[in-house]
């Protein structure tokens, strides 16, 4: 946080308000975001915006608009898998078939209550297999690929195919270790929002938005 402005007026009829600033009270605990370490490049940085503009020109950021329009901030610290799936389902305009609030039908994490108990997810998160099960429970065709079953070149082809499709009929989601990116934590899920083939960088729409902004990382 920054300085908190305050205004006082000794006599509204005769004097103009005096504007002052006071230092915020230090929080008792917790974190306000995390520094995004290299090799990640924040989308809203100068370099991140340059990458985005170039990727848009190359036609490999078509998926950006649907994903970012529906990007969910995970509801719980261990809900990255659920937040990722909610983002994908809403980006694909899937009707959950049940009401969220009022008259509105729109996916939220609490609706994803098949395959695994939500209390267990809140405590332990999701495995890759459970995530795939949850996705298929929503009636969407889901292709699950482990790195041991593919090559990095096939992954690049998939990135280009999904991210360059103007009619968004698919969302590419990844399960990866934050440690490989020098970030705190370990296993994490997030959707992909773009690809820069010339720089070989991929845009992760991080659902832990309280921790990191969307950012580019090397494929």
Protein backbone atom coordinates (compact mmCIF):
# COMPACT_ATOMS: atom_id res chain seq x y z
CA UNK A 1 0.00 0.00 0.00
CA UNK A 2 0.92 3.64 -0.30
CA UNK A 3 0.25 6.73 1.74
CA UNK A 4 -3.34 7.21 2.82
CA UNK A 5 -4.65 10.72 2.14
CA UNK A 6 -6.76 12.54 4.69
CA UNK A 7 -8.39 15.95 4.70
CA UNK A 8 -9.16 18.25 7.62
CA UNK A 9 -10.98 21.58 7.71
CA UNK A 10 -10.83 23.85 10.76
CA UNK A 11 -13.62 26.06 9.53
CA UNK A 12 -15.39 25.19 6.32
CA UNK A 13 -16.84 28.69 6.07
CA UNK A 14 -13.53 30.55 6.31
CA UNK A 15 -10.70 28.18 5.37
CA UNK A 16 -9.80 25.80 2.57
CA UNK A 17 -9.28 22.12 3.43
CA UNK A 18 -5.74 21.10 4.31
CA UNK A 19 -4.57 17.90 2.64
CA UNK A 20 -2.12 15.71 4.54
CA UNK A 21 -0.83 12.17 4.25
CA UNK A 22 -0.29 9.59 6.92
CA UNK A 23 1.72 6.38 6.80
CA UNK A 24 -0.42 3.22 6.65
CA UNK A 25 -0.53 0.96 9.67
CA UNK A 26 1.77 -2.03 9.06
CA UNK A 27 -0.23 -5.26 8.68
CA UNK A 28 0.06 -7.83 11.42
CA UNK A 29 0.70 -10.74 9.06
CA UNK A 30 0.47 -11.98 5.52
CA UNK A 31 1.83 -10.86 2.17
CA UNK A 32 0.79 -8.20 -0.29
CA UNK A 33 1.70 -9.84 -3.60
CA UNK A 34 5.09 -11.39 -4.32
CA UNK A 35 7.99 -10.11 -6.37
CA UNK A 36 7.86 -11.80 -9.78
CA UNK A 37 11.34 -13.31 -10.29
CA UNK A 38 13.15 -13.92 -13.58
CA UNK A 39 12.75 -15.53 -16.03
CA UNK A 40 9.08 -14.44 -15.84
CA UNK A 41 8.12 -11.11 -17.43
CA UNK A 42 4.99 -9.39 -16.11
CA UNK A 43 2.38 -8.69 -18.78
CA UNK A 44 1.94 -5.12 -17.54
CA UNK A 45 5.67 -4.32 -17.70
CA UNK A 46 7.29 -2.52 -20.62
CA UNK A 47 8.85 -5.76 -21.86
CA UNK A 48 5.62 -7.69 -21.25
CA UNK A 49 3.55 -5.24 -23.27
CA UNK A 50 6.11 -5.36 -26.07
CA UNK A 51 5.81 -9.15 -26.19
CA UNK A 52 2.00 -8.92 -26.19
CA UNK A 53 1.89 -6.40 -29.04
CA UNK A 54 4.24 -8.51 -31.13
CA UNK A 55 2.28 -11.69 -30.42
CA UNK A 56 -0.95 -9.95 -31.38
CA UNK A 57 0.64 -8.91 -34.67
CA UNK A 58 1.75 -12.51 -35.25
CA UNK A 59 -1.81 -13.74 -34.63
CA UNK A 60 -0.83 -15.99 -31.73
CA UNK A 61 -2.78 -14.21 -29.00
CA UNK A 62 -6.34 -14.75 -30.18
CA UNK A 63 -7.06 -16.82 -27.07
CA UNK A 64 -6.07 -13.86 -24.89
CA UNK A 65 -9.43 -12.13 -25.18
CA UNK A 66 -11.63 -15.03 -24.08
CA UNK A 67 -9.28 -16.17 -21.31
CA UNK A 68 -8.63 -12.73 -19.83
CA UNK A 69 -12.32 -11.78 -20.06
CA UNK A 70 -13.11 -14.77 -17.83
CA UNK A 71 -9.95 -14.96 -15.71
CA UNK A 72 -10.86 -16.07 -12.21
CA UNK A 73 -8.95 -15.25 -9.05
CA UNK A 74 -8.87 -18.57 -7.18
CA UNK A 75 -11.14 -18.49 -4.12
CA UNK A 76 -8.77 -20.37 -1.83
CA UNK A 77 -4.97 -20.73 -1.63
CA UNK A 78 -5.22 -24.35 -2.87
CA UNK A 79 -7.94 -23.70 -5.46
CA UNK A 80 -5.64 -23.02 -8.43
CA UNK A 81 -6.98 -26.08 -10.25
CA UNK A 82 -10.60 -25.07 -9.65
CA UNK A 83 -9.93 -21.44 -10.58
CA UNK A 84 -8.25 -22.58 -13.80
CA UNK A 85 -11.16 -24.82 -14.74
CA UNK A 86 -13.73 -22.12 -13.91
CA UNK A 87 -11.79 -19.71 -16.15
CA UNK A 88 -11.74 -22.22 -19.02
CA UNK A 89 -15.43 -23.12 -18.71
CA UNK A 90 -16.56 -19.49 -18.67
CA UNK A 91 -14.16 -18.60 -21.49
CA UNK A 92 -15.76 -21.37 -23.56
CA UNK A 93 -19.21 -20.03 -22.61
CA UNK A 94 -20.31 -23.34 -21.08
CA UNK A 95 -23.66 -23.17 -19.28
CA UNK A 96 -23.31 -24.78 -15.83
CA UNK A 97 -27.00 -25.64 -15.79
CA UNK A 98 -27.44 -24.27 -12.27
CA UNK A 99 -27.92 -20.84 -10.78
CA UNK A 100 -25.00 -19.00 -9.19
CA UNK A 101 -26.88 -16.07 -7.62
CA UNK A 102 -30.11 -14.32 -8.50
CA UNK A 103 -31.10 -15.47 -11.99
CA UNK A 104 -27.52 -15.91 -13.23
CA UNK A 105 -25.98 -19.17 -14.37
CA UNK A 106 -22.20 -18.76 -14.30
CA UNK A 107 -19.43 -21.10 -13.16
CA UNK A 108 -17.81 -20.66 -9.75
CA UNK A 109 -15.60 -23.08 -7.81
CA UNK A 110 -18.38 -24.33 -5.52
CA UNK A 111 -20.13 -25.91 -8.53
CA UNK A 112 -17.20 -28.25 -9.18
CA UNK A 113 -18.13 -30.78 -6.53
CA UNK A 114 -17.80 -34.08 -8.37
CA UNK A 115 -14.75 -36.41 -8.47
CA UNK A 116 -13.26 -34.99 -5.27
CA UNK A 117 -14.66 -33.38 -2.12
CA UNK A 118 -14.24 -29.61 -2.04
CA UNK A 119 -13.00 -29.72 1.56
CA UNK A 120 -10.22 -32.02 0.42
CA UNK A 121 -9.36 -29.66 -2.44
CA UNK A 122 -9.27 -26.74 0.00
CA UNK A 123 -6.76 -28.68 2.09
CA UNK A 124 -4.63 -30.44 -0.52
CA UNK A 125 -5.42 -28.98 -3.92
CA UNK A 126 -6.04 -31.12 -7.02
CA UNK A 127 -4.04 -33.80 -8.75
CA UNK A 128 -3.78 -33.74 -12.53
CA UNK A 129 -6.06 -36.79 -12.80
CA UNK A 130 -8.71 -35.21 -10.56
CA UNK A 131 -8.60 -32.00 -12.60
CA UNK A 132 -9.23 -33.95 -15.80
CA UNK A 133 -12.08 -35.83 -14.13
CA UNK A 134 -13.68 -32.54 -13.02
CA UNK A 135 -13.40 -31.09 -16.51
CA UNK A 136 -15.05 -34.11 -18.09
CA UNK A 137 -17.81 -34.01 -15.46
CA UNK A 138 -18.84 -30.66 -16.93
CA UNK A 139 -19.48 -32.28 -20.29
CA UNK A 140 -16.53 -30.77 -22.16
CA UNK A 141 -14.18 -32.78 -24.35
CA UNK A 142 -10.85 -32.87 -22.54
CA UNK A 143 -7.49 -34.01 -23.87
CA UNK A 144 -4.94 -34.70 -21.14
CA UNK A 145 -1.26 -34.90 -22.03
CA UNK A 146 1.70 -35.55 -19.75
CA UNK A 147 5.14 -34.27 -20.71
CA UNK A 148 6.32 -37.86 -20.78
CA UNK A 149 3.84 -38.52 -23.60
CA UNK A 150 4.87 -35.62 -25.83
CA UNK A 151 7.81 -33.50 -26.95
CA UNK A 152 8.49 -29.80 -26.54
CA UNK A 153 8.00 -29.31 -30.29
CA UNK A 154 4.55 -30.89 -30.10
CA UNK A 155 3.79 -28.58 -27.20
CA UNK A 156 4.82 -25.59 -29.32
CA UNK A 157 2.54 -26.78 -32.12
CA UNK A 158 -0.35 -27.08 -29.67
CA UNK A 159 0.36 -23.60 -28.28
CA UNK A 160 0.31 -22.11 -31.77
CA UNK A 161 -2.84 -23.97 -32.79
CA UNK A 162 -4.89 -23.07 -29.70
CA UNK A 163 -3.62 -19.51 -29.21
CA UNK A 164 -4.05 -18.51 -32.87
CA UNK A 165 -7.62 -19.80 -33.30
CA UNK A 166 -9.94 -16.80 -33.82
CA UNK A 167 -13.02 -18.79 -32.85
CA UNK A 168 -12.07 -19.90 -29.34
CA UNK A 169 -13.31 -23.48 -29.06
CA UNK A 170 -10.48 -24.67 -26.82
CA UNK A 171 -8.53 -23.39 -23.83
CA UNK A 172 -5.08 -24.73 -23.07
CA UNK A 173 -4.41 -25.22 -19.36
CA UNK A 174 -1.16 -26.28 -17.76
CA UNK A 175 -0.12 -27.97 -14.53
CA UNK A 176 3.47 -27.12 -13.66
CA UNK A 177 5.93 -26.51 -10.85
CA UNK A 178 6.53 -22.92 -9.80
CA UNK A 179 9.97 -23.95 -8.59
CA UNK A 180 11.18 -24.28 -12.18
CA UNK A 181 10.38 -20.57 -12.60
CA UNK A 182 12.10 -19.51 -9.34
CA UNK A 183 8.70 -18.75 -7.81
CA UNK A 184 7.64 -19.68 -4.29
CA UNK A 185 5.41 -22.72 -3.94
CA UNK A 186 5.38 -25.75 -6.19
CA UNK A 187 2.51 -27.46 -8.05
CA UNK A 188 0.20 -24.98 -9.79
CA UNK A 189 -2.50 -24.80 -12.46
CA UNK A 190 -3.26 -21.88 -14.77
CA UNK A 191 -4.64 -21.27 -18.28
CA UNK A 192 -2.52 -20.09 -21.21
CA UNK A 193 -3.50 -16.74 -22.75
CA UNK A 194 -0.97 -16.30 -25.54
CA UNK A 195 2.20 -17.41 -27.30
CA UNK A 196 5.11 -15.56 -28.89
CA UNK A 197 6.69 -18.09 -31.29
CA UNK A 198 9.69 -15.95 -32.24
CA UNK A 199 10.71 -15.36 -28.62
CA UNK A 200 9.47 -18.83 -27.60
CA UNK A 201 7.54 -17.29 -24.68
CA UNK A 202 4.14 -18.30 -23.36
CA UNK A 203 1.70 -16.09 -21.44
CA UNK A 204 0.45 -17.65 -18.19
CA UNK A 205 -2.83 -16.16 -16.94
CA UNK A 206 -2.02 -16.89 -13.31
CA UNK A 207 -5.21 -17.55 -11.33
CA UNK A 208 -3.35 -16.67 -8.10
CA UNK A 209 -3.75 -13.01 -9.01
CA UNK A 210 -3.18 -12.00 -5.40
CA UNK A 211 0.36 -13.36 -5.82
CA UNK A 212 1.50 -12.67 -9.40
CA UNK A 213 0.07 -10.84 -12.42
CA UNK A 214 -0.24 -12.58 -15.78
CA UNK A 215 3.31 -13.15 -17.01
CA UNK A 216 5.39 -14.44 -19.87
CA UNK A 217 7.78 -17.35 -19.33
CA UNK A 218 10.06 -19.35 -21.66
CA UNK A 219 8.35 -22.38 -23.16
